[in-house]
Every structure is written in structure tokens, then in C-alpha cells.
Amino acid sequence: MRQLKVSKIKNFCSLALLLLLVKSRQKSTVFFRPKPSNIVGLNEGLKTLLNAIKSNPGMKTKALSVSLKGRSIKTLEHQIKFLIEKKLIERRGSKKTGGYWPV
């Protein structure tokens, strides 16, 4: 009976184009869904910032503002905070000499 339910769930997920990993144990079945990609959901502004950091690793916020045609530093700080939370970039070095690097 339990095996029938598991196969129905697998079929439903394949029809809905969902990826699903299944691990069965003696009395239980565990379903795993892969984590979505971090890059999904980035708007154009975040993508251009990420590309600028990838092409010039170690840049500071002021240099990024100049290279991104005058985007305000406050806007860049918000966008950088978002990219750090998504683990797409990281800050390396001290406040005075450090910069942002792709992960």
C-alpha cells in the first residue's frame, strides 16, 4: 500500500516537472527536493552588479558605482547585501582595503 502511494507521488511530481529524490527506509519514506538555483530571481540590476564583480573581483563600492554608470552607493549597498545573503558574493579583506569577490 505504501509503495503505491510513493509511486503516485513520483508520477505526480514528474508530470508537474518537479525534481524529487526519494529515500525509503523500513517504515518511512523521505522526500527531498533539490534547492533552487541562487541565480533564479535576480533582476537586471543585480545581474549587472554580479557580472561587474565577476569581471573585476576585489572592487569596492565606489569603484562599482563608477563602473555601473553612477548607480548610487546606497543602492549598491542594498544590492550587495542581497547578493551576500544569497551567497553569490563575499567580502574579503578589511574595511579600508577589502573588496567584493564572487563565490
PDB file of N, CA and C in Angstrom:
ATOM      1  N   MET A   1       0.819  -1.199   0.000  1.00  0.00           N
ATOM      2  CA  MET A   1       0.000   0.000   0.000  1.00  0.00           C
ATOM      3  C   MET A   1       0.864   1.266   0.000  1.00  0.00           C
ATOM      4  N   ARG A   2       1.891   1.277   0.892  1.00  0.00           N
ATOM      5  CA  ARG A   2       2.758   2.440   0.979  1.00  0.00           C
ATOM      6  C   ARG A   2       3.520   2.654  -0.329  1.00  0.00           C
ATOM      7  N   GLN A   3       3.949   1.567  -0.941  1.00  0.00           N
ATOM      8  CA  GLN A   3       4.686   1.660  -2.200  1.00  0.00           C
ATOM      9  C   GLN A   3       3.828   2.271  -3.301  1.00  0.00           C
ATOM     10  N   LEU A   4       2.548   1.983  -3.291  1.00  0.00           N
ATOM     11  CA  LEU A   4       1.624   2.547  -4.265  1.00  0.00           C
ATOM     12  C   LEU A   4       1.518   4.061  -4.092  1.00  0.00           C
ATOM     13  N   LYS A   5       1.458   4.528  -2.844  1.00  0.00           N
ATOM     14  CA  LYS A   5       1.379   5.964  -2.580  1.00  0.00           C
ATOM     15  C   LYS A   5       2.651   6.667  -3.036  1.00  0.00           C
ATOM     16  N   VAL A   6       3.801   6.045  -2.787  1.00  0.00           N
ATOM     17  CA  VAL A   6       5.076   6.628  -3.197  1.00  0.00           C
ATOM     18  C   VAL A   6       5.143   6.736  -4.710  1.00  0.00           C
ATOM     19  N   SER A   7       4.696   5.715  -5.415  1.00  0.00           N
ATOM     20  CA  SER A   7       4.739   5.768  -6.880  1.00  0.00           C
ATOM     21  C   SER A   7       3.783   6.836  -7.416  1.00  0.00           C
ATOM     22  N   LYS A   8       2.645   7.034  -6.763  1.00  0.00           N
ATOM     23  CA  LYS A   8       1.728   8.099  -7.185  1.00  0.00           C
ATOM     24  C   LYS A   8       2.363   9.472  -7.008  1.00  0.00           C
ATOM     25  N   ILE A   9       3.069   9.657  -5.899  1.00  0.00           N
ATOM     26  CA  ILE A   9       3.738  10.937  -5.658  1.00  0.00           C
ATOM     27  C   ILE A   9       4.824  11.161  -6.704  1.00  0.00           C
ATOM     28  N   LYS A  10       5.597  10.121  -7.010  1.00  0.00           N
ATOM     29  CA  LYS A  10       6.634  10.241  -8.040  1.00  0.00           C
ATOM     30  C   LYS A  10       6.026  10.612  -9.390  1.00  0.00           C
ATOM     31  N   ASN A  11       4.938   9.965  -9.762  1.00  0.00           N
ATOM     32  CA  ASN A  11       4.282  10.261 -11.038  1.00  0.00           C
ATOM     33  C   ASN A  11       3.755  11.690 -11.072  1.00  0.00           C
ATOM     34  N   PHE A  12       3.138  12.125  -9.991  1.00  0.00           N
ATOM     35  CA  PHE A  12       2.616  13.489  -9.929  1.00  0.00           C
ATOM     36  C   PHE A  12       3.738  14.508 -10.090  1.00  0.00           C
ATOM     37  N   CYS A  13       4.851  14.279  -9.409  1.00  0.00           N
ATOM     38  CA  CYS A  13       5.974  15.207  -9.494  1.00  0.00           C
ATOM     39  C   CYS A  13       6.585  15.222 -10.890  1.00  0.00           C
ATOM     40  N   SER A  14       6.659  14.072 -11.533  1.00  0.00           N
ATOM     41  CA  SER A  14       7.218  14.055 -12.886  1.00  0.00           C
ATOM     42  C   SER A  14       6.292  14.761 -13.875  1.00  0.00           C
ATOM     43  N   LEU A  15       4.983  14.641 -13.684  1.00  0.00           N
ATOM     44  CA  LEU A  15       4.040  15.350 -14.554  1.00  0.00           C
ATOM     45  C   LEU A  15       4.112  16.857 -14.346  1.00  0.00           C
ATOM     46  N   ALA A  16       4.380  17.273 -13.117  1.00  0.00           N
ATOM     47  CA  ALA A  16       4.474  18.698 -12.808  1.00  0.00           C
ATOM     48  C   ALA A  16       5.878  19.240 -13.059  1.00  0.00           C
ATOM     49  N   LEU A  17       6.763  18.406 -13.605  1.00  0.00           N
ATOM     50  CA  LEU A  17       8.150  18.766 -13.907  1.00  0.00           C
ATOM     51  C   LEU A  17       8.913  19.185 -12.658  1.00  0.00           C
ATOM     52  N   LEU A  18       8.654  18.526 -11.543  1.00  0.00           N
ATOM     53  CA  LEU A  18       9.366  18.776 -10.298  1.00  0.00           C
ATOM     54  C   LEU A  18      10.412  17.692 -10.098  1.00  0.00           C
ATOM     55  N   LEU A  19      11.595  18.101  -9.678  1.00  0.00           N
ATOM     56  CA  LEU A  19      12.630  17.128  -9.367  1.00  0.00           C
ATOM     57  C   LEU A  19      12.397  16.611  -7.957  1.00  0.00           C
ATOM     58  N   LEU A  20      12.570  15.319  -7.765  1.00  0.00           N
ATOM     59  CA  LEU A  20      12.292  14.723  -6.468  1.00  0.00           C
ATOM     60  C   LEU A  20      13.229  13.550  -6.240  1.00  0.00           C
ATOM     61  N   LEU A  21      13.847  13.510  -5.081  1.00  0.00           N
ATOM     62  CA  LEU A  21      14.667  12.381  -4.677  1.00  0.00           C
ATOM     63  C   LEU A  21      13.927  11.648  -3.572  1.00  0.00           C
ATOM     64  N   VAL A  22      13.919  10.334  -3.633  1.00  0.00           N
ATOM     65  CA  VAL A  22      13.180   9.538  -2.654  1.00  0.00           C
ATOM     66  C   VAL A  22      14.140   8.561  -1.991  1.00  0.00           C
ATOM     67  N   LYS A  23      14.108   8.542  -0.661  1.00  0.00           N
ATOM     68  CA  LYS A  23      14.872   7.555   0.096  1.00  0.00           C
ATOM     69  C   LYS A  23      13.894   6.791   0.960  1.00  0.00           C
ATOM     70  N   SER A  24      13.820   5.498   0.757  1.00  0.00           N
ATOM     71  CA  SER A  24      12.892   4.666   1.529  1.00  0.00           C
ATOM     72  C   SER A  24      13.642   3.931   2.622  1.00  0.00           C
ATOM     73  N   ARG A  25      13.012   3.858   3.762  1.00  0.00           N
ATOM     74  CA  ARG A  25      13.533   3.093   4.889  1.00  0.00           C
ATOM     75  C   ARG A  25      12.509   2.039   5.241  1.00  0.00           C
ATOM     76  N   GLN A  26      12.731   1.345   6.319  1.00  0.00           N
ATOM     77  CA  GLN A  26      11.835   0.243   6.672  1.00  0.00           C
ATOM     78  C   GLN A  26      10.394   0.702   6.850  1.00  0.00           C
ATOM     79  N   LYS A  27      10.173   1.723   7.652  1.00  0.00           N
ATOM     80  CA  LYS A  27       8.804   2.139   7.936  1.00  0.00           C
ATOM     81  C   LYS A  27       8.491   3.547   7.461  1.00  0.00           C
ATOM     82  N   SER A  28       9.423   4.167   6.783  1.00  0.00           N
ATOM     83  CA  SER A  28       9.154   5.543   6.366  1.00  0.00           C
ATOM     84  C   SER A  28       9.796   5.828   5.018  1.00  0.00           C
ATOM     85  N   THR A  29       9.299   6.848   4.390  1.00  0.00           N
ATOM     86  CA  THR A  29       9.841   7.316   3.123  1.00  0.00           C
ATOM     87  C   THR A  29      10.114   8.805   3.257  1.00  0.00           C
ATOM     88  N   VAL A  30      11.287   9.222   2.838  1.00  0.00           N
ATOM     89  CA  VAL A  30      11.682  10.618   2.937  1.00  0.00           C
ATOM     90  C   VAL A  30      11.793  11.181   1.530  1.00  0.00           C
ATOM     91  N   PHE A  31      11.185  12.336   1.310  1.00  0.00           N
ATOM     92  CA  PHE A  31      11.228  13.000   0.011  1.00  0.00           C
ATOM     93  C   PHE A  31      12.140  14.216   0.110  1.00  0.00           C
ATOM     94  N   PHE A  32      12.990  14.387  -0.873  1.00  0.00           N
ATOM     95  CA  PHE A  32      13.890  15.526  -0.927  1.00  0.00           C
ATOM     96  C   PHE A  32      13.649  16.281  -2.217  1.00  0.00           C
ATOM     97  N   ARG A  33      13.636  17.593  -2.122  1.00  0.00           N
ATOM     98  CA  ARG A  33      13.556  18.445  -3.293  1.00  0.00           C
ATOM     99  C   ARG A  33      14.862  19.202  -3.405  1.00  0.00           C
ATOM    100  N   PRO A  34      15.502  19.219  -4.547  1.00  0.00           N
ATOM    101  CA  PRO A  34      16.743  19.981  -4.684  1.00  0.00           C
ATOM    102  C   PRO A  34      16.495  21.465  -4.438  1.00  0.00           C
ATOM    103  N   LYS A  35      17.511  22.125  -3.886  1.00  0.00           N
ATOM    104  CA  LYS A  35      17.394  23.560  -3.645  1.00  0.00           C
ATOM    105  C   LYS A  35      17.367  24.293  -4.980  1.00  0.00           C
ATOM    106  N   PRO A  36      16.565  25.340  -5.082  1.00  0.00           N
ATOM    107  CA  PRO A  36      16.555  26.100  -6.331  1.00  0.00           C
ATOM    108  C   PRO A  36      17.872  26.835  -6.514  1.00  0.00           C
ATOM    109  N   SER A  37      18.202  27.099  -7.729  1.00  0.00           N
ATOM    110  CA  SER A  37      19.422  27.824  -8.039  1.00  0.00           C
ATOM    111  C   SER A  37      19.373  29.214  -7.437  1.00  0.00           C
ATOM    112  N   ASN A  38      20.542  29.688  -6.955  1.00  0.00           N
ATOM    113  CA  ASN A  38      20.595  31.015  -6.347  1.00  0.00           C
ATOM    114  C   ASN A  38      20.406  32.131  -7.356  1.00  0.00           C
ATOM    115  N   ILE A  39      20.712  31.873  -8.601  1.00  0.00           N
ATOM    116  CA  ILE A  39      20.663  32.931  -9.597  1.00  0.00           C
ATOM    117  C   ILE A  39      19.239  33.199 -10.061  1.00  0.00           C
ATOM    118  N   VAL A  40      18.346  32.255  -9.880  1.00  0.00           N
ATOM    119  CA  VAL A  40      16.956  32.470 -10.268  1.00  0.00           C
ATOM    120  C   VAL A  40      16.379  33.582  -9.412  1.00  0.00           C
ATOM    121  N   GLY A  41      15.692  34.516 -10.028  1.00  0.00           N
ATOM    122  CA  GLY A  41      15.047  35.578  -9.277  1.00  0.00           C
ATOM    123  C   GLY A  41      15.846  36.862  -9.198  1.00  0.00           C
ATOM    124  N   LEU A  42      16.982  36.931  -9.864  1.00  0.00           N
ATOM    125  CA  LEU A  42      17.750  38.170  -9.859  1.00  0.00           C
ATOM    126  C   LEU A  42      17.237  39.081 -10.960  1.00  0.00           C
ATOM    127  N   ASN A  43      17.027  40.347 -10.612  1.00  0.00           N
ATOM    128  CA  ASN A  43      16.607  41.299 -11.635  1.00  0.00           C
ATOM    129  C   ASN A  43      17.828  41.770 -12.427  1.00  0.00           C
ATOM    130  N   GLU A  44      17.596  42.593 -13.419  1.00  0.00           N
ATOM    131  CA  GLU A  44      18.687  43.029 -14.304  1.00  0.00           C
ATOM    132  C   GLU A  44      19.750  43.821 -13.552  1.00  0.00           C
ATOM    133  N   GLY A  45      19.335  44.645 -12.602  1.00  0.00           N
ATOM    134  CA  GLY A  45      20.292  45.428 -11.825  1.00  0.00           C
ATOM    135  C   GLY A  45      21.235  44.542 -11.026  1.00  0.00           C
ATOM    136  N   LEU A  46      20.690  43.511 -10.402  1.00  0.00           N
ATOM    137  CA  LEU A  46      21.520  42.587  -9.630  1.00  0.00           C
ATOM    138  C   LEU A  46      22.425  41.767 -10.540  1.00  0.00           C
ATOM    139  N   LYS A  47      21.916  41.392 -11.717  1.00  0.00           N
ATOM    140  CA  LYS A  47      22.737  40.619 -12.655  1.00  0.00           C
ATOM    141  C   LYS A  47      23.915  41.443 -13.163  1.00  0.00           C
ATOM    142  N   THR A  48      23.679  42.722 -13.466  1.00  0.00           N
ATOM    143  CA  THR A  48      24.789  43.558 -13.940  1.00  0.00           C
ATOM    144  C   THR A  48      25.813  43.771 -12.834  1.00  0.00           C
ATOM    145  N   LEU A  49      25.352  43.940 -11.594  1.00  0.00           N
ATOM    146  CA  LEU A  49      26.277  44.087 -10.468  1.00  0.00           C
ATOM    147  C   LEU A  49      27.094  42.811 -10.282  1.00  0.00           C
ATOM    148  N   LEU A  50      26.451  41.665 -10.329  1.00  0.00           N
ATOM    149  CA  LEU A  50      27.151  40.390 -10.174  1.00  0.00           C
ATOM    150  C   LEU A  50      28.165  40.189 -11.298  1.00  0.00           C
ATOM    151  N   ASN A  51      27.802  40.531 -12.519  1.00  0.00           N
ATOM    152  CA  ASN A  51      28.738  40.410 -13.647  1.00  0.00           C
ATOM    153  C   ASN A  51      29.915  41.360 -13.495  1.00  0.00           C
ATOM    154  N   ALA A  52      29.667  42.568 -12.974  1.00  0.00           N
ATOM    155  CA  ALA A  52      30.755  43.525 -12.757  1.00  0.00           C
ATOM    156  C   ALA A  52      31.728  42.999 -11.711  1.00  0.00           C
ATOM    157  N   ILE A  53      31.211  42.380 -10.667  1.00  0.00           N
ATOM    158  CA  ILE A  53      32.081  41.828  -9.623  1.00  0.00           C
ATOM    159  C   ILE A  53      32.840  40.616 -10.156  1.00  0.00           C
ATOM    160  N   LYS A  54      32.196  39.801 -10.989  1.00  0.00           N
ATOM    161  CA  LYS A  54      32.882  38.639 -11.565  1.00  0.00           C
ATOM    162  C   LYS A  54      33.994  39.067 -12.516  1.00  0.00           C
ATOM    163  N   SER A  55      33.764  40.126 -13.281  1.00  0.00           N
ATOM    164  CA  SER A  55      34.779  40.555 -14.241  1.00  0.00           C
ATOM    165  C   SER A  55      35.910  41.337 -13.579  1.00  0.00           C
ATOM    166  N   ASN A  56      35.639  41.970 -12.440  1.00  0.00           N
ATOM    167  CA  ASN A  56      36.661  42.732 -11.714  1.00  0.00           C
ATOM    168  C   ASN A  56      36.608  42.384 -10.226  1.00  0.00           C
ATOM    169  N   PRO A  57      37.075  41.202  -9.830  1.00  0.00           N
ATOM    170  CA  PRO A  57      36.999  40.825  -8.419  1.00  0.00           C
ATOM    171  C   PRO A  57      37.802  41.779  -7.546  1.00  0.00           C
ATOM    172  N   GLY A  58      37.309  42.020  -6.353  1.00  0.00           N
ATOM    173  CA  GLY A  58      38.010  42.871  -5.401  1.00  0.00           C
ATOM    174  C   GLY A  58      37.612  44.333  -5.458  1.00  0.00           C
ATOM    175  N   MET A  59      36.632  44.677  -6.266  1.00  0.00           N
ATOM    176  CA  MET A  59      36.216  46.079  -6.386  1.00  0.00           C
ATOM    177  C   MET A  59      35.488  46.540  -5.134  1.00  0.00           C
ATOM    178  N   LYS A  60      35.649  47.821  -4.839  1.00  0.00           N
ATOM    179  CA  LYS A  60      34.943  48.441  -3.718  1.00  0.00           C
ATOM    180  C   LYS A  60      33.664  49.081  -4.235  1.00  0.00           C
ATOM    181  N   THR A  61      32.833  49.523  -3.300  1.00  0.00           N
ATOM    182  CA  THR A  61      31.529  50.077  -3.662  1.00  0.00           C
ATOM    183  C   THR A  61      31.662  51.324  -4.531  1.00  0.00           C
ATOM    184  N   LYS A  62      32.606  52.204  -4.214  1.00  0.00           N
ATOM    185  CA  LYS A  62      32.763  53.435  -5.011  1.00  0.00           C
ATOM    186  C   LYS A  62      33.181  53.122  -6.445  1.00  0.00           C
ATOM    187  N   ALA A  63      34.089  52.175  -6.605  1.00  0.00           N
ATOM    188  CA  ALA A  63      34.522  51.794  -7.949  1.00  0.00           C
ATOM    189  C   ALA A  63      33.383  51.129  -8.716  1.00  0.00           C
ATOM    190  N   LEU A  64      32.579  50.341  -8.016  1.00  0.00           N
ATOM    191  CA  LEU A  64      31.421  49.730  -8.666  1.00  0.00           C
ATOM    192  C   LEU A  64      30.427  50.792  -9.114  1.00  0.00           C
ATOM    193  N   SER A  65      30.259  51.837  -8.311  1.00  0.00           N
ATOM    194  CA  SER A  65      29.340  52.921  -8.664  1.00  0.00           C
ATOM    195  C   SER A  65      29.784  53.610  -9.949  1.00  0.00           C
ATOM    196  N   VAL A  66      31.076  53.815 -10.091  1.00  0.00           N
ATOM    197  CA  VAL A  66      31.599  54.452 -11.301  1.00  0.00           C
ATOM    198  C   VAL A  66      31.442  53.528 -12.505  1.00  0.00           C
ATOM    199  N   SER A  67      31.768  52.243 -12.327  1.00  0.00           N
ATOM    200  CA  SER A  67      31.701  51.321 -13.463  1.00  0.00           C
ATOM    201  C   SER A  67      30.265  51.016 -13.877  1.00  0.00           C
ATOM    202  N   LEU A  68      29.321  51.180 -12.964  1.00  0.00           N
ATOM    203  CA  LEU A  68      27.914  50.936 -13.287  1.00  0.00           C
ATOM    204  C   LEU A  68      27.183  52.241 -13.592  1.00  0.00           C
ATOM    205  N   LYS A  69      27.901  53.184 -14.143  1.00  0.00           N
ATOM    206  CA  LYS A  69      27.341  54.441 -14.655  1.00  0.00           C
ATOM    207  C   LYS A  69      26.572  55.236 -13.605  1.00  0.00           C
ATOM    208  N   GLY A  70      27.217  55.435 -12.463  1.00  0.00           N
ATOM    209  CA  GLY A  70      26.656  56.340 -11.471  1.00  0.00           C
ATOM    210  C   GLY A  70      25.531  55.783 -10.628  1.00  0.00           C
ATOM    211  N   ARG A  71      25.398  54.476 -10.544  1.00  0.00           N
ATOM    212  CA  ARG A  71      24.388  53.906  -9.646  1.00  0.00           C
ATOM    213  C   ARG A  71      24.747  54.337  -8.225  1.00  0.00           C
ATOM    214  N   SER A  72      23.777  54.763  -7.453  1.00  0.00           N
ATOM    215  CA  SER A  72      24.071  55.326  -6.134  1.00  0.00           C
ATOM    216  C   SER A  72      24.691  54.281  -5.210  1.00  0.00           C
ATOM    217  N   ILE A  73      25.518  54.777  -4.303  1.00  0.00           N
ATOM    218  CA  ILE A  73      26.208  53.893  -3.377  1.00  0.00           C
ATOM    219  C   ILE A  73      25.205  53.204  -2.453  1.00  0.00           C
ATOM    220  N   LYS A  74      24.176  53.921  -2.034  1.00  0.00           N
ATOM    221  CA  LYS A  74      23.151  53.334  -1.163  1.00  0.00           C
ATOM    222  C   LYS A  74      22.445  52.165  -1.869  1.00  0.00           C
ATOM    223  N   THR A  75      22.127  52.348  -3.155  1.00  0.00           N
ATOM    224  CA  THR A  75      21.503  51.272  -3.929  1.00  0.00           C
ATOM    225  C   THR A  75      22.442  50.079  -4.019  1.00  0.00           C
ATOM    226  N   LEU A  76      23.713  50.348  -4.288  1.00  0.00           N
ATOM    227  CA  LEU A  76      24.693  49.265  -4.373  1.00  0.00           C
ATOM    228  C   LEU A  76      24.831  48.532  -3.043  1.00  0.00           C
ATOM    229  N   GLU A  77      24.776  49.275  -1.934  1.00  0.00           N
ATOM    230  CA  GLU A  77      24.881  48.626  -0.621  1.00  0.00           C
ATOM    231  C   GLU A  77      23.723  47.658  -0.398  1.00  0.00           C
ATOM    232  N   HIS A  78      22.511  48.058  -0.785  1.00  0.00           N
ATOM    233  CA  HIS A  78      21.353  47.169  -0.653  1.00  0.00           C
ATOM    234  C   HIS A  78      21.505  45.944  -1.554  1.00  0.00           C
ATOM    235  N   GLN A  79      21.944  46.176  -2.797  1.00  0.00           N
ATOM    236  CA  GLN A  79      22.099  45.067  -3.734  1.00  0.00           C
ATOM    237  C   GLN A  79      23.215  44.117  -3.300  1.00  0.00           C
ATOM    238  N   ILE A  80      24.305  44.667  -2.791  1.00  0.00           N
ATOM    239  CA  ILE A  80      25.418  43.846  -2.317  1.00  0.00           C
ATOM    240  C   ILE A  80      24.978  43.010  -1.116  1.00  0.00           C
ATOM    241  N   LYS A  81      24.221  43.618  -0.216  1.00  0.00           N
ATOM    242  CA  LYS A  81      23.707  42.879   0.945  1.00  0.00           C
ATOM    243  C   LYS A  81      22.862  41.687   0.487  1.00  0.00           C
ATOM    244  N   PHE A  82      22.021  41.910  -0.529  1.00  0.00           N
ATOM    245  CA  PHE A  82      21.178  40.833  -1.062  1.00  0.00           C
ATOM    246  C   PHE A  82      22.029  39.721  -1.668  1.00  0.00           C
ATOM    247  N   LEU A  83      23.053  40.086  -2.451  1.00  0.00           N
ATOM    248  CA  LEU A  83      23.918  39.087  -3.089  1.00  0.00           C
ATOM    249  C   LEU A  83      24.737  38.312  -2.060  1.00  0.00           C
ATOM    250  N   ILE A  84      25.126  38.968  -0.968  1.00  0.00           N
ATOM    251  CA  ILE A  84      25.854  38.277   0.097  1.00  0.00           C
ATOM    252  C   ILE A  84      24.935  37.281   0.792  1.00  0.00           C
ATOM    253  N   GLU A  85      23.680  37.687   1.047  1.00  0.00           N
ATOM    254  CA  GLU A  85      22.716  36.777   1.684  1.00  0.00           C
ATOM    255  C   GLU A  85      22.443  35.556   0.811  1.00  0.00           C
ATOM    256  N   LYS A  86      22.432  35.745  -0.515  1.00  0.00           N
ATOM    257  CA  LYS A  86      22.230  34.630  -1.444  1.00  0.00           C
ATOM    258  C   LYS A  86      23.507  33.812  -1.646  1.00  0.00           C
ATOM    259  N   LYS A  87      24.600  34.253  -1.004  1.00  0.00           N
ATOM    260  CA  LYS A  87      25.901  33.588  -1.096  1.00  0.00           C
ATOM    261  C   LYS A  87      26.442  33.556  -2.525  1.00  0.00           C
ATOM    262  N   LEU A  88      26.212  34.633  -3.251  1.00  0.00           N
ATOM    263  CA  LEU A  88      26.755  34.754  -4.604  1.00  0.00           C
ATOM    264  C   LEU A  88      28.062  35.537  -4.606  1.00  0.00           C
ATOM    265  N   ILE A  89      28.246  36.400  -3.597  1.00  0.00           N
ATOM    266  CA  ILE A  89      29.492  37.145  -3.444  1.00  0.00           C
ATOM    267  C   ILE A  89      29.877  37.122  -1.971  1.00  0.00           C
ATOM    268  N   GLU A  90      31.127  37.519  -1.709  1.00  0.00           N
ATOM    269  CA  GLU A  90      31.583  37.653  -0.329  1.00  0.00           C
ATOM    270  C   GLU A  90      32.531  38.832  -0.237  1.00  0.00           C
ATOM    271  N   ARG A  91      32.665  39.353   0.958  1.00  0.00           N
ATOM    272  CA  ARG A  91      33.591  40.457   1.190  1.00  0.00           C
ATOM    273  C   ARG A  91      34.869  39.870   1.745  1.00  0.00           C
ATOM    274  N   ARG A  92      35.977  40.276   1.171  1.00  0.00           N
ATOM    275  CA  ARG A  92      37.284  39.828   1.644  1.00  0.00           C
ATOM    276  C   ARG A  92      38.112  41.048   2.006  1.00  0.00           C
ATOM    277  N   GLY A  93      38.896  40.923   3.049  1.00  0.00           N
ATOM    278  CA  GLY A  93      39.789  41.997   3.448  1.00  0.00           C
ATOM    279  C   GLY A  93      39.164  42.921   4.475  1.00  0.00           C
ATOM    280  N   SER A  94      39.926  43.944   4.831  1.00  0.00           N
ATOM    281  CA  SER A  94      39.469  44.898   5.841  1.00  0.00           C
ATOM    282  C   SER A  94      38.522  45.915   5.221  1.00  0.00           C
ATOM    283  N   LYS A  95      37.924  46.744   6.070  1.00  0.00           N
ATOM    284  CA  LYS A  95      37.020  47.777   5.563  1.00  0.00           C
ATOM    285  C   LYS A  95      37.763  48.764   4.672  1.00  0.00           C
ATOM    286  N   LYS A  96      39.028  49.015   4.996  1.00  0.00           N
ATOM    287  CA  LYS A  96      39.790  50.009   4.251  1.00  0.00           C
ATOM    288  C   LYS A  96      40.305  49.472   2.911  1.00  0.00           C
ATOM    289  N   THR A  97      40.765  48.243   2.893  1.00  0.00           N
ATOM    290  CA  THR A  97      41.415  47.741   1.675  1.00  0.00           C
ATOM    291  C   THR A  97      40.680  46.583   1.011  1.00  0.00           C
ATOM    292  N   GLY A  98      39.593  46.105   1.597  1.00  0.00           N
ATOM    293  CA  GLY A  98      38.911  44.933   1.063  1.00  0.00           C
ATOM    294  C   GLY A  98      37.989  45.252  -0.097  1.00  0.00           C
ATOM    295  N   GLY A  99      37.446  44.201  -0.677  1.00  0.00           N
ATOM    296  CA  GLY A  99      36.515  44.349  -1.787  1.00  0.00           C
ATOM    297  C   GLY A  99      35.586  43.152  -1.861  1.00  0.00           C
ATOM    298  N   TYR A 100      34.775  43.095  -2.905  1.00  0.00           N
ATOM    299  CA  TYR A 100      33.786  42.036  -3.071  1.00  0.00           C
ATOM    300  C   TYR A 100      34.265  41.044  -4.119  1.00  0.00           C
ATOM    301  N   TRP A 101      34.051  39.762  -3.822  1.00  0.00           N
ATOM    302  CA  TRP A 101      34.530  38.679  -4.665  1.00  0.00           C
ATOM    303  C   TRP A 101      33.398  37.707  -4.949  1.00  0.00           C
ATOM    304  N   PRO A 102      33.358  37.132  -6.148  1.00  0.00           N
ATOM    305  CA  PRO A 102      32.342  36.101  -6.424  1.00  0.00           C
ATOM    306  C   PRO A 102      32.665  34.831  -5.647  1.00  0.00           C
ATOM    307  N   VAL A 103      31.641  34.088  -5.296  1.00  0.00           N
ATOM    308  CA  VAL A 103      31.832  32.828  -4.552  1.00  0.00           C
ATOM    309  C   VAL A 103      31.923  31.690  -5.540  1.00  0.00           C
TER     310      VAL A 103
END
